[in-house]
Structures are given as C-alpha cells and as structure tokens.
Amino acid sequence: MDSKVIREIKVKIQDYQHYGIVLLSLSSFLYLGTVIPFAGKDTTDAIVCGSASLAGLGFTALMYYQAKRLKKRLQEYQ
C-alpha cells in the first residue's frame, strides 16, 4: 500500500474524529435546551431538542465507529 493511500486514511480518521467532536458539542448544547427552563418553552420544544440531542449522539457514535474501523484497517496495512 503506498503512502498516498495511508495519508488519505489518516486524513479521514481525523475528519471523522472532528465531526464527532462537533456533533457531541451540538448534542450537549441541545440537551441544555431541554434542561434549562425559560419562559414560553412548550412541551414540543423540549421533545424536539431532546430528539435532536439523541440523534446527534447517535451520529457521534457512528463517526467514532468509522474512525475506529479505519484505524484497524490502517494497522492491517502497516
């Protein structure tokens, strides 16, 4: 396996990890929207924020799974 492919895999690993960090930050921000009370917040607002937070956590797990899978593939080639 040539160095160009290895370099591309390393870049993909970093990208997946960065996407995971961003999604985790977004999920925690949305979760705070469900927990912190403010005037005018409706039940549907809390449900939407909670659902979006859970979806973000799911995508975060997917990003880290992909990064882990690529790390294993990279170790096999080296």
C-alpha atoms as a PDB file:
ATOM      1  CA  MET A   1       0.000   0.000   0.000  1.00  0.00           C
ATOM      2  CA  ASP A   2       1.518   3.291  -0.988  1.00  0.00           C
ATOM      3  CA  SER A   3       1.930   6.315   1.210  1.00  0.00           C
ATOM      4  CA  LYS A   4      -0.766   8.316  -0.589  1.00  0.00           C
ATOM      5  CA  VAL A   5      -3.496   5.879   0.450  1.00  0.00           C
ATOM      6  CA  ILE A   6      -2.173   5.724   4.009  1.00  0.00           C
ATOM      7  CA  ARG A   7      -2.158   9.516   4.174  1.00  0.00           C
ATOM      8  CA  GLU A   8      -5.761   9.640   2.876  1.00  0.00           C
ATOM      9  CA  ILE A   9      -6.876   7.155   5.524  1.00  0.00           C
ATOM     10  CA  LYS A  10      -5.199   9.210   8.252  1.00  0.00           C
ATOM     11  CA  VAL A  11      -6.956  12.344   6.996  1.00  0.00           C
ATOM     12  CA  LYS A  12     -10.303  10.519   7.010  1.00  0.00           C
ATOM     13  CA  ILE A  13      -9.692   9.367  10.587  1.00  0.00           C
ATOM     14  CA  GLN A  14      -9.030  12.950  11.669  1.00  0.00           C
ATOM     15  CA  ASP A  15     -12.126  14.165   9.819  1.00  0.00           C
ATOM     16  CA  TYR A  16     -14.363  11.578  11.464  1.00  0.00           C
ATOM     17  CA  GLN A  17     -12.980  12.491  14.878  1.00  0.00           C
ATOM     18  CA  HIS A  18     -13.537  16.195  14.245  1.00  0.00           C
ATOM     19  CA  TYR A  19     -17.092  15.553  13.063  1.00  0.00           C
ATOM     20  CA  GLY A  20     -17.673  13.531  16.228  1.00  0.00           C
ATOM     21  CA  ILE A  21     -16.445  16.371  18.431  1.00  0.00           C
ATOM     22  CA  VAL A  22     -18.652  18.907  16.652  1.00  0.00           C
ATOM     23  CA  LEU A  23     -21.711  16.662  16.870  1.00  0.00           C
ATOM     24  CA  LEU A  24     -21.053  15.969  20.540  1.00  0.00           C
ATOM     25  CA  SER A  25     -20.848  19.697  21.225  1.00  0.00           C
ATOM     26  CA  LEU A  26     -24.075  20.312  19.345  1.00  0.00           C
ATOM     27  CA  SER A  27     -25.818  17.491  21.193  1.00  0.00           C
ATOM     28  CA  SER A  28     -24.768  18.823  24.576  1.00  0.00           C
ATOM     29  CA  PHE A  29     -25.966  22.310  23.597  1.00  0.00           C
ATOM     30  CA  LEU A  30     -29.354  20.930  22.544  1.00  0.00           C
ATOM     31  CA  TYR A  31     -29.588  18.887  25.732  1.00  0.00           C
ATOM     32  CA  LEU A  32     -29.081  22.061  27.746  1.00  0.00           C
ATOM     33  CA  GLY A  33     -32.049  23.473  25.850  1.00  0.00           C
ATOM     34  CA  THR A  34     -34.227  20.711  27.262  1.00  0.00           C
ATOM     35  CA  VAL A  35     -32.939  21.013  30.825  1.00  0.00           C
ATOM     36  CA  ILE A  36     -32.762  24.765  31.391  1.00  0.00           C
ATOM     37  CA  PRO A  37     -36.210  26.279  31.941  1.00  0.00           C
ATOM     38  CA  PHE A  38     -37.184  29.532  30.254  1.00  0.00           C
ATOM     39  CA  ALA A  39     -40.438  31.393  29.755  1.00  0.00           C
ATOM     40  CA  GLY A  40     -42.509  30.333  26.792  1.00  0.00           C
ATOM     41  CA  LYS A  41     -40.936  26.892  26.343  1.00  0.00           C
ATOM     42  CA  ASP A  42     -43.527  24.398  25.248  1.00  0.00           C
ATOM     43  CA  THR A  43     -43.505  20.622  25.642  1.00  0.00           C
ATOM     44  CA  THR A  44     -42.946  20.199  21.921  1.00  0.00           C
ATOM     45  CA  ASP A  45     -39.827  22.373  22.140  1.00  0.00           C
ATOM     46  CA  ALA A  46     -38.382  20.068  24.785  1.00  0.00           C
ATOM     47  CA  ILE A  47     -39.259  16.995  22.738  1.00  0.00           C
ATOM     48  CA  VAL A  48     -37.638  18.427  19.608  1.00  0.00           C
ATOM     49  CA  CYS A  49     -34.470  19.437  21.472  1.00  0.00           C
ATOM     50  CA  GLY A  50     -34.266  16.062  23.207  1.00  0.00           C
ATOM     51  CA  SER A  51     -34.803  14.139  19.976  1.00  0.00           C
ATOM     52  CA  ALA A  52     -32.212  16.220  18.137  1.00  0.00           C
ATOM     53  CA  SER A  53     -29.778  15.697  21.008  1.00  0.00           C
ATOM     54  CA  LEU A  54     -30.242  11.926  20.871  1.00  0.00           C
ATOM     55  CA  ALA A  55     -29.877  11.915  17.087  1.00  0.00           C
ATOM     56  CA  GLY A  56     -26.651  13.914  17.414  1.00  0.00           C
ATOM     57  CA  LEU A  57     -25.320  11.428  19.948  1.00  0.00           C
ATOM     58  CA  GLY A  58     -26.165   8.595  17.586  1.00  0.00           C
ATOM     59  CA  PHE A  59     -24.286  10.247  14.743  1.00  0.00           C
ATOM     60  CA  THR A  60     -21.392  10.941  17.111  1.00  0.00           C
ATOM     61  CA  ALA A  61     -21.185   7.245  17.915  1.00  0.00           C
ATOM     62  CA  LEU A  62     -21.290   6.463  14.199  1.00  0.00           C
ATOM     63  CA  MET A  63     -18.414   8.866  13.474  1.00  0.00           C
ATOM     64  CA  TYR A  64     -16.229   7.365  16.187  1.00  0.00           C
ATOM     65  CA  TYR A  65     -17.105   3.858  14.995  1.00  0.00           C
ATOM     66  CA  GLN A  66     -15.988   4.774  11.484  1.00  0.00           C
ATOM     67  CA  ALA A  67     -12.750   6.277  12.818  1.00  0.00           C
ATOM     68  CA  LYS A  68     -12.085   3.122  14.842  1.00  0.00           C
ATOM     69  CA  ARG A  69     -12.771   0.930  11.812  1.00  0.00           C
ATOM     70  CA  LEU A  70     -10.351   2.953   9.692  1.00  0.00           C
ATOM     71  CA  LYS A  71      -7.683   2.764  12.410  1.00  0.00           C
ATOM     72  CA  LYS A  72      -7.933  -1.025  12.371  1.00  0.00           C
ATOM     73  CA  ARG A  73      -7.665  -1.037   8.587  1.00  0.00           C
ATOM     74  CA  LEU A  74      -4.644   1.229   8.762  1.00  0.00           C
ATOM     75  CA  GLN A  75      -2.931  -1.067  11.266  1.00  0.00           C
ATOM     76  CA  GLU A  76      -3.529  -4.050   8.989  1.00  0.00           C
ATOM     77  CA  TYR A  77      -1.776  -2.320   6.100  1.00  0.00           C
ATOM     78  CA  GLN A  78       1.228  -1.172   8.080  1.00  0.00           C
END
